[in-house]
Amino acid sequence: MITISAKAQDYVTRQMEQEKAAAGAFLRVGVKGGGCSGLEYQMSFDTNLKDSDQVFEDKGMKIVVDMKSLLYLYGTELDYSDGLNGKGLVFKNPNATRTCSCGESFAV
């Protein structure tokens, strides 16, 4: 399961409005190789579901992840940080054994 905090849900909703996401768009999250820790988080707005996608819904937001990425992201909560060192969307990933200082890449 992948969940989203209320603050992150508000942030993503605002981003979808600002970017004029297509009607029916959902949040797609995933991982790809790269970054200083080995894997990088990805986030985009999408309208096309693939056969192997897993769909989660939390706080009225549809979150979609491909099966390969789900192996790395299962149990992750998407949160939003707006403090002094705020970075925007934050992946609270219980599977990450190491993260880089910017929080955009991780290792398992």
C-alpha atoms as a PDB file:
ATOM      1  CA  MET A   1       0.000   0.000   0.000  1.00  0.00           C
ATOM      2  CA  ILE A   2       1.065   3.580  -0.669  1.00  0.00           C
ATOM      3  CA  THR A   3      -0.555   6.379   1.337  1.00  0.00           C
ATOM      4  CA  ILE A   4      -0.549  10.169   1.233  1.00  0.00           C
ATOM      5  CA  SER A   5      -0.733  12.674   4.080  1.00  0.00           C
ATOM      6  CA  ALA A   6      -3.345  15.427   4.047  1.00  0.00           C
ATOM      7  CA  LYS A   7      -0.640  18.073   3.469  1.00  0.00           C
ATOM      8  CA  ALA A   8       0.776  16.125   0.525  1.00  0.00           C
ATOM      9  CA  GLN A   9      -2.702  15.575  -0.896  1.00  0.00           C
ATOM     10  CA  ASP A  10      -3.338  19.333  -0.789  1.00  0.00           C
ATOM     11  CA  TYR A  11       0.036  20.013  -2.445  1.00  0.00           C
ATOM     12  CA  VAL A  12      -0.518  17.464  -5.232  1.00  0.00           C
ATOM     13  CA  THR A  13      -4.028  18.787  -5.879  1.00  0.00           C
ATOM     14  CA  ARG A  14      -2.631  22.332  -6.228  1.00  0.00           C
ATOM     15  CA  GLN A  15       0.121  21.070  -8.566  1.00  0.00           C
ATOM     16  CA  MET A  16      -2.439  19.281 -10.747  1.00  0.00           C
ATOM     17  CA  GLU A  17      -4.447  22.499 -11.005  1.00  0.00           C
ATOM     18  CA  GLN A  18      -1.369  24.620 -11.777  1.00  0.00           C
ATOM     19  CA  GLU A  19      -0.159  22.206 -14.441  1.00  0.00           C
ATOM     20  CA  LYS A  20      -3.689  21.894 -15.836  1.00  0.00           C
ATOM     21  CA  ALA A  21      -3.597  18.105 -15.602  1.00  0.00           C
ATOM     22  CA  ALA A  22      -6.090  16.328 -17.858  1.00  0.00           C
ATOM     23  CA  ALA A  23      -9.481  15.342 -16.498  1.00  0.00           C
ATOM     24  CA  GLY A  24      -9.225  11.984 -14.771  1.00  0.00           C
ATOM     25  CA  ALA A  25      -5.479  12.367 -14.164  1.00  0.00           C
ATOM     26  CA  PHE A  26      -3.939  10.514 -11.244  1.00  0.00           C
ATOM     27  CA  LEU A  27      -0.629  10.606  -9.407  1.00  0.00           C
ATOM     28  CA  ARG A  28       1.910   8.095 -10.753  1.00  0.00           C
ATOM     29  CA  VAL A  29       4.895   7.331  -8.514  1.00  0.00           C
ATOM     30  CA  GLY A  30       7.819   5.066  -9.237  1.00  0.00           C
ATOM     31  CA  VAL A  31      11.546   4.522  -9.026  1.00  0.00           C
ATOM     32  CA  LYS A  32      14.349   4.403 -11.567  1.00  0.00           C
ATOM     33  CA  GLY A  33      18.050   3.704 -11.336  1.00  0.00           C
ATOM     34  CA  GLY A  34      20.215   6.727 -10.639  1.00  0.00           C
ATOM     35  CA  GLY A  35      21.008   9.360  -8.072  1.00  0.00           C
ATOM     36  CA  CYS A  36      23.776   9.317  -5.519  1.00  0.00           C
ATOM     37  CA  SER A  37      22.205   6.436  -3.566  1.00  0.00           C
ATOM     38  CA  GLY A  38      21.300   4.181  -6.497  1.00  0.00           C
ATOM     39  CA  LEU A  39      17.542   4.690  -6.982  1.00  0.00           C
ATOM     40  CA  GLU A  40      15.568   7.858  -7.667  1.00  0.00           C
ATOM     41  CA  TYR A  41      11.940   8.610  -6.936  1.00  0.00           C
ATOM     42  CA  GLN A  42       9.680   9.622  -9.821  1.00  0.00           C
ATOM     43  CA  MET A  43       6.362  11.438  -9.765  1.00  0.00           C
ATOM     44  CA  SER A  44       4.101  12.489 -12.612  1.00  0.00           C
ATOM     45  CA  PHE A  45       0.477  13.001 -13.522  1.00  0.00           C
ATOM     46  CA  ASP A  46      -0.929  10.406 -15.889  1.00  0.00           C
ATOM     47  CA  THR A  47      -4.210   9.259 -17.394  1.00  0.00           C
ATOM     48  CA  ASN A  48      -3.152   5.887 -18.846  1.00  0.00           C
ATOM     49  CA  LEU A  49      -3.323   2.752 -16.702  1.00  0.00           C
ATOM     50  CA  LYS A  50      -1.149  -0.203 -17.697  1.00  0.00           C
ATOM     51  CA  ASP A  51      -2.121  -3.831 -17.091  1.00  0.00           C
ATOM     52  CA  SER A  52       0.610  -4.278 -14.483  1.00  0.00           C
ATOM     53  CA  ASP A  53      -0.175  -1.084 -12.528  1.00  0.00           C
ATOM     54  CA  GLN A  54      -1.282  -1.249  -8.933  1.00  0.00           C
ATOM     55  CA  VAL A  55      -3.860   1.351  -7.919  1.00  0.00           C
ATOM     56  CA  PHE A  56      -4.230   2.740  -4.405  1.00  0.00           C
ATOM     57  CA  GLU A  57      -6.651   5.373  -3.203  1.00  0.00           C
ATOM     58  CA  ASP A  58      -6.083   7.427  -0.092  1.00  0.00           C
ATOM     59  CA  LYS A  59      -7.859  10.623   1.001  1.00  0.00           C
ATOM     60  CA  GLY A  60      -9.666  10.717  -2.321  1.00  0.00           C
ATOM     61  CA  MET A  61      -6.428  10.674  -4.330  1.00  0.00           C
ATOM     62  CA  LYS A  62      -5.681   7.917  -6.828  1.00  0.00           C
ATOM     63  CA  ILE A  63      -2.038   6.799  -6.595  1.00  0.00           C
ATOM     64  CA  VAL A  64      -0.690   4.429  -9.248  1.00  0.00           C
ATOM     65  CA  VAL A  65       2.591   2.506  -9.210  1.00  0.00           C
ATOM     66  CA  ASP A  66       4.052  -0.106 -11.548  1.00  0.00           C
ATOM     67  CA  MET A  67       4.799  -3.565 -10.094  1.00  0.00           C
ATOM     68  CA  LYS A  68       8.601  -3.188 -10.281  1.00  0.00           C
ATOM     69  CA  SER A  69       8.523   0.092  -8.359  1.00  0.00           C
ATOM     70  CA  LEU A  70       6.050  -1.314  -5.837  1.00  0.00           C
ATOM     71  CA  LEU A  71       8.745  -3.734  -4.640  1.00  0.00           C
ATOM     72  CA  TYR A  72      10.726  -0.682  -3.467  1.00  0.00           C
ATOM     73  CA  LEU A  73       7.836   1.567  -2.430  1.00  0.00           C
ATOM     74  CA  TYR A  74       5.437  -0.740  -0.572  1.00  0.00           C
ATOM     75  CA  GLY A  75       4.442   0.916   2.705  1.00  0.00           C
ATOM     76  CA  THR A  76       5.623   4.373   1.625  1.00  0.00           C
ATOM     77  CA  GLU A  77       3.778   7.479   2.758  1.00  0.00           C
ATOM     78  CA  LEU A  78       3.922  10.572   0.586  1.00  0.00           C
ATOM     79  CA  ASP A  79       4.210  13.644   2.791  1.00  0.00           C
ATOM     80  CA  TYR A  80       4.819  17.352   2.273  1.00  0.00           C
ATOM     81  CA  SER A  81       7.478  19.380   4.058  1.00  0.00           C
ATOM     82  CA  ASP A  82       7.123  23.157   4.094  1.00  0.00           C
ATOM     83  CA  GLY A  83       9.382  24.009   7.030  1.00  0.00           C
ATOM     84  CA  LEU A  84      12.595  26.012   7.034  1.00  0.00           C
ATOM     85  CA  ASN A  85      14.345  23.279   5.057  1.00  0.00           C
ATOM     86  CA  GLY A  86      11.163  22.319   3.204  1.00  0.00           C
ATOM     87  CA  LYS A  87      11.687  20.229   0.107  1.00  0.00           C
ATOM     88  CA  GLY A  88       8.132  19.797  -1.112  1.00  0.00           C
ATOM     89  CA  LEU A  89       6.946  16.235  -1.583  1.00  0.00           C
ATOM     90  CA  VAL A  90       8.761  13.748   0.661  1.00  0.00           C
ATOM     91  CA  PHE A  91       8.755   9.954   0.293  1.00  0.00           C
ATOM     92  CA  LYS A  92       8.702   8.311   3.747  1.00  0.00           C
ATOM     93  CA  ASN A  93       9.920   4.928   2.571  1.00  0.00           C
ATOM     94  CA  PRO A  94      10.298   2.212   5.236  1.00  0.00           C
ATOM     95  CA  ASN A  95      12.278   0.064   2.764  1.00  0.00           C
ATOM     96  CA  ALA A  96      15.098   2.590   2.269  1.00  0.00           C
ATOM     97  CA  THR A  97      18.279   1.614   4.081  1.00  0.00           C
ATOM     98  CA  ARG A  98      20.152   4.708   2.943  1.00  0.00           C
ATOM     99  CA  THR A  99      19.082   8.059   1.518  1.00  0.00           C
ATOM    100  CA  CYS A 100      21.029  10.962   0.110  1.00  0.00           C
ATOM    101  CA  SER A 101      21.004  14.305   1.889  1.00  0.00           C
ATOM    102  CA  CYS A 102      18.588  15.838  -0.633  1.00  0.00           C
ATOM    103  CA  GLY A 103      16.100  12.989  -0.104  1.00  0.00           C
ATOM    104  CA  GLU A 104      15.609  12.377  -3.815  1.00  0.00           C
ATOM    105  CA  SER A 105      17.466   9.082  -4.022  1.00  0.00           C
ATOM    106  CA  PHE A 106      17.727   5.989  -1.850  1.00  0.00           C
ATOM    107  CA  ALA A 107      19.089   2.465  -1.584  1.00  0.00           C
ATOM    108  CA  VAL A 108      17.527  -0.759  -0.279  1.00  0.00           C
END
